[in-house]
């Protein structure tokens, strides 16, 4: 199966619950549902984590955000393959063997490459890497995402906060 046979790439904002400033994937480049995905994130100095930095500050992109962006790409691959089972929420489980090879700087465009290595009833295991041009900037040996019943994770009752609005990106409403 080629990427062209796989159908359209998932919409990033329409497929993930994340919103500014934590939506860290800009565009899906290629996807084969249930197998692999390539997506990009453009790094700019206008991102909130660079606010107030001194002119001589180290502008390396925070490694935790690079992992988060890679994980969001893995989430997009899960959505492209049919998403979470009914009434389940996808959760980050763990990451192992993440190695940071080179710093990522404002002006760089990071391409995340994620592949499914195993699928279980309630979880998916991924591996892959991130690249800036021909430089490998990060490798991920294993990331696990788990599915859990939404009813157990969402607060109940009339005064409980609700999920952020996907249409507005507003914070949780009461």
Protein backbone atom coordinates (compact mmCIF):
# COMPACT_ATOMS: atom_id res chain seq x y z
CA UNK A 1 0.00 0.00 0.00
CA UNK A 2 1.38 3.41 -0.90
CA UNK A 3 0.74 6.64 0.97
CA UNK A 4 -1.50 7.75 -1.90
CA UNK A 5 -3.64 4.64 -1.35
CA UNK A 6 -3.93 5.39 2.36
CA UNK A 7 -6.39 8.24 1.89
CA UNK A 8 -6.17 11.82 3.10
CA UNK A 9 -3.93 12.80 5.98
CA UNK A 10 -5.76 13.62 9.20
CA UNK A 11 -6.33 17.27 10.03
CA UNK A 12 -3.99 18.12 12.90
CA UNK A 13 -6.28 20.45 14.90
CA UNK A 14 -9.32 18.33 14.09
CA UNK A 15 -7.66 15.15 15.33
CA UNK A 16 -5.93 16.20 18.56
CA UNK A 17 -7.42 17.88 21.64
CA UNK A 18 -4.35 20.12 22.00
CA UNK A 19 -4.54 23.85 21.27
CA UNK A 20 -2.17 26.82 21.39
CA UNK A 21 0.38 26.86 22.85
CA UNK A 22 0.61 23.07 23.17
CA UNK A 23 -0.43 21.98 19.67
CA UNK A 24 3.06 21.06 18.49
CA UNK A 25 2.46 19.53 15.05
CA UNK A 26 1.90 21.78 12.04
CA UNK A 27 1.20 19.38 9.19
CA UNK A 28 1.01 15.70 8.28
CA UNK A 29 3.25 14.96 5.29
CA UNK A 30 2.52 11.27 4.78
CA UNK A 31 0.52 8.60 6.58
CA UNK A 32 -0.14 4.90 6.14
CA UNK A 33 -2.88 4.20 8.72
CA UNK A 34 -1.92 1.62 11.30
CA UNK A 35 1.71 1.60 10.10
CA UNK A 36 3.61 4.90 9.90
CA UNK A 37 3.37 8.68 9.68
CA UNK A 38 5.58 11.67 8.88
CA UNK A 39 4.62 15.10 10.23
CA UNK A 40 6.40 18.44 10.60
CA UNK A 41 6.76 21.14 13.23
CA UNK A 42 8.33 24.49 12.37
CA UNK A 43 10.29 25.95 15.28
CA UNK A 44 10.08 29.74 15.66
CA UNK A 45 11.44 32.21 18.19
CA UNK A 46 7.86 33.49 18.60
CA UNK A 47 6.85 30.44 20.64
CA UNK A 48 5.95 31.20 24.29
CA UNK A 49 8.89 29.27 25.78
CA UNK A 50 11.27 31.79 24.17
CA UNK A 51 9.51 34.82 25.68
CA UNK A 52 11.86 37.00 27.71
CA UNK A 53 15.04 35.20 26.67
CA UNK A 54 18.21 37.26 26.66
CA UNK A 55 19.85 38.00 23.28
CA UNK A 56 22.75 35.66 24.14
CA UNK A 57 20.54 32.88 25.56
CA UNK A 58 20.72 29.28 24.40
CA UNK A 59 17.74 28.93 22.04
CA UNK A 60 17.78 25.15 21.79
CA UNK A 61 14.21 23.85 21.63
CA UNK A 62 13.30 22.16 24.95
CA UNK A 63 13.78 18.38 24.64
CA UNK A 64 10.54 17.73 26.56
CA UNK A 65 8.62 19.67 23.89
CA UNK A 66 10.38 17.74 21.12
CA UNK A 67 9.18 14.50 22.76
CA UNK A 68 5.67 15.98 23.16
CA UNK A 69 5.57 16.96 19.49
CA UNK A 70 6.73 13.47 18.48
CA UNK A 71 4.06 11.96 20.76
CA UNK A 72 1.37 14.14 19.19
CA UNK A 73 2.48 12.78 15.82
CA UNK A 74 2.05 9.24 17.21
CA UNK A 75 -1.44 10.28 18.33
CA UNK A 76 -2.22 11.43 14.79
CA UNK A 77 -1.15 8.01 13.51
CA UNK A 78 -3.55 6.39 15.96
CA UNK A 79 -6.37 8.68 14.77
CA UNK A 80 -5.56 7.88 11.13
CA UNK A 81 -5.88 4.18 11.95
CA UNK A 82 -9.38 4.58 13.39
CA UNK A 83 -8.65 6.35 16.66
CA UNK A 84 -9.31 5.20 20.18
CA UNK A 85 -11.86 2.48 20.78
CA UNK A 86 -15.39 3.73 21.50
CA UNK A 87 -15.69 5.65 24.80
CA UNK A 88 -11.93 5.48 25.36
CA UNK A 89 -9.39 8.27 25.78
CA UNK A 90 -5.84 7.98 24.46
CA UNK A 91 -3.17 8.67 27.11
CA UNK A 92 0.59 8.93 26.97
CA UNK A 93 1.97 5.94 28.84
CA UNK A 94 5.76 6.02 28.71
CA UNK A 95 8.80 6.73 26.60
CA UNK A 96 12.06 4.74 26.62
CA UNK A 97 15.39 5.17 24.93
CA UNK A 98 14.82 8.73 23.72
CA UNK A 99 18.20 10.03 22.57
CA UNK A 100 18.81 13.68 21.64
CA UNK A 101 21.52 13.85 18.98
CA UNK A 102 21.57 17.55 17.99
CA UNK A 103 19.88 20.71 19.26
CA UNK A 104 16.86 22.05 17.41
CA UNK A 105 16.87 25.82 16.94
CA UNK A 106 14.42 28.50 15.82
CA UNK A 107 14.23 28.39 12.02
CA UNK A 108 14.48 24.59 11.93
CA UNK A 109 11.67 22.45 10.55
CA UNK A 110 11.50 19.15 12.40
CA UNK A 111 10.16 16.09 10.62
CA UNK A 112 8.87 13.39 12.95
CA UNK A 113 8.83 9.82 11.67
CA UNK A 114 6.72 7.44 13.75
CA UNK A 115 5.98 3.76 13.17
CA UNK A 116 3.71 1.34 15.02
CA UNK A 117 5.67 -1.63 16.39
CA UNK A 118 2.91 -3.41 18.34
CA UNK A 119 -0.80 -3.01 18.91
CA UNK A 120 -2.75 -4.40 21.85
CA UNK A 121 -6.42 -4.15 22.79
CA UNK A 122 -5.78 -1.19 25.09
CA UNK A 123 -2.43 0.24 23.97
CA UNK A 124 -0.11 0.93 21.03
CA UNK A 125 3.71 0.88 20.97
CA UNK A 126 5.62 3.21 18.63
CA UNK A 127 9.22 3.86 17.62
CA UNK A 128 10.90 6.38 15.34
CA UNK A 129 12.95 9.52 14.99
CA UNK A 130 12.97 13.25 14.32
CA UNK A 131 15.05 15.01 11.69
CA UNK A 132 16.05 18.52 10.62
CA UNK A 133 17.04 18.15 6.98
CA UNK A 134 19.54 15.29 6.83
CA UNK A 135 20.39 15.48 10.57
CA UNK A 136 18.78 13.04 12.99
CA UNK A 137 18.00 15.17 16.05
CA UNK A 138 16.20 12.58 18.18
CA UNK A 139 15.51 8.85 18.18
CA UNK A 140 12.77 7.21 20.22
CA UNK A 141 13.24 3.53 21.03
CA UNK A 142 9.73 3.09 22.36
CA UNK A 143 6.66 5.13 23.26
CA UNK A 144 3.51 3.55 24.67
CA UNK A 145 0.04 5.05 24.43
CA UNK A 146 -2.79 3.50 26.42
CA UNK A 147 -6.56 3.71 26.07
CA UNK A 148 -8.70 4.10 29.17
CA UNK A 149 -12.47 4.45 29.67
CA UNK A 150 -13.52 8.08 29.29
CA UNK A 151 -16.06 7.76 32.09
CA UNK A 152 -13.31 6.97 34.58
CA UNK A 153 -11.18 9.94 33.55
CA UNK A 154 -13.71 12.72 33.11
CA UNK A 155 -15.18 14.38 36.20
CA UNK A 156 -18.89 13.88 36.73
CA UNK A 157 -21.51 16.22 38.12
CA UNK A 158 -22.99 19.61 37.27
CA UNK A 159 -20.07 21.65 38.69
CA UNK A 160 -17.31 19.55 37.13
CA UNK A 161 -15.12 21.17 34.48
CA UNK A 162 -15.83 20.04 30.93
CA UNK A 163 -13.45 19.23 28.12
CA UNK A 164 -11.84 22.25 26.38
CA UNK A 165 -13.87 23.37 23.40
CA UNK A 166 -12.28 22.14 20.18
CA UNK A 167 -14.07 24.86 18.25
CA UNK A 168 -12.75 27.78 20.31
CA UNK A 169 -9.65 26.39 21.95
CA UNK A 170 -10.83 27.96 25.22
CA UNK A 171 -9.79 26.50 28.52
CA UNK A 172 -12.18 24.24 30.37
CA UNK A 173 -15.52 25.81 31.17
CA UNK A 174 -17.54 25.30 34.33
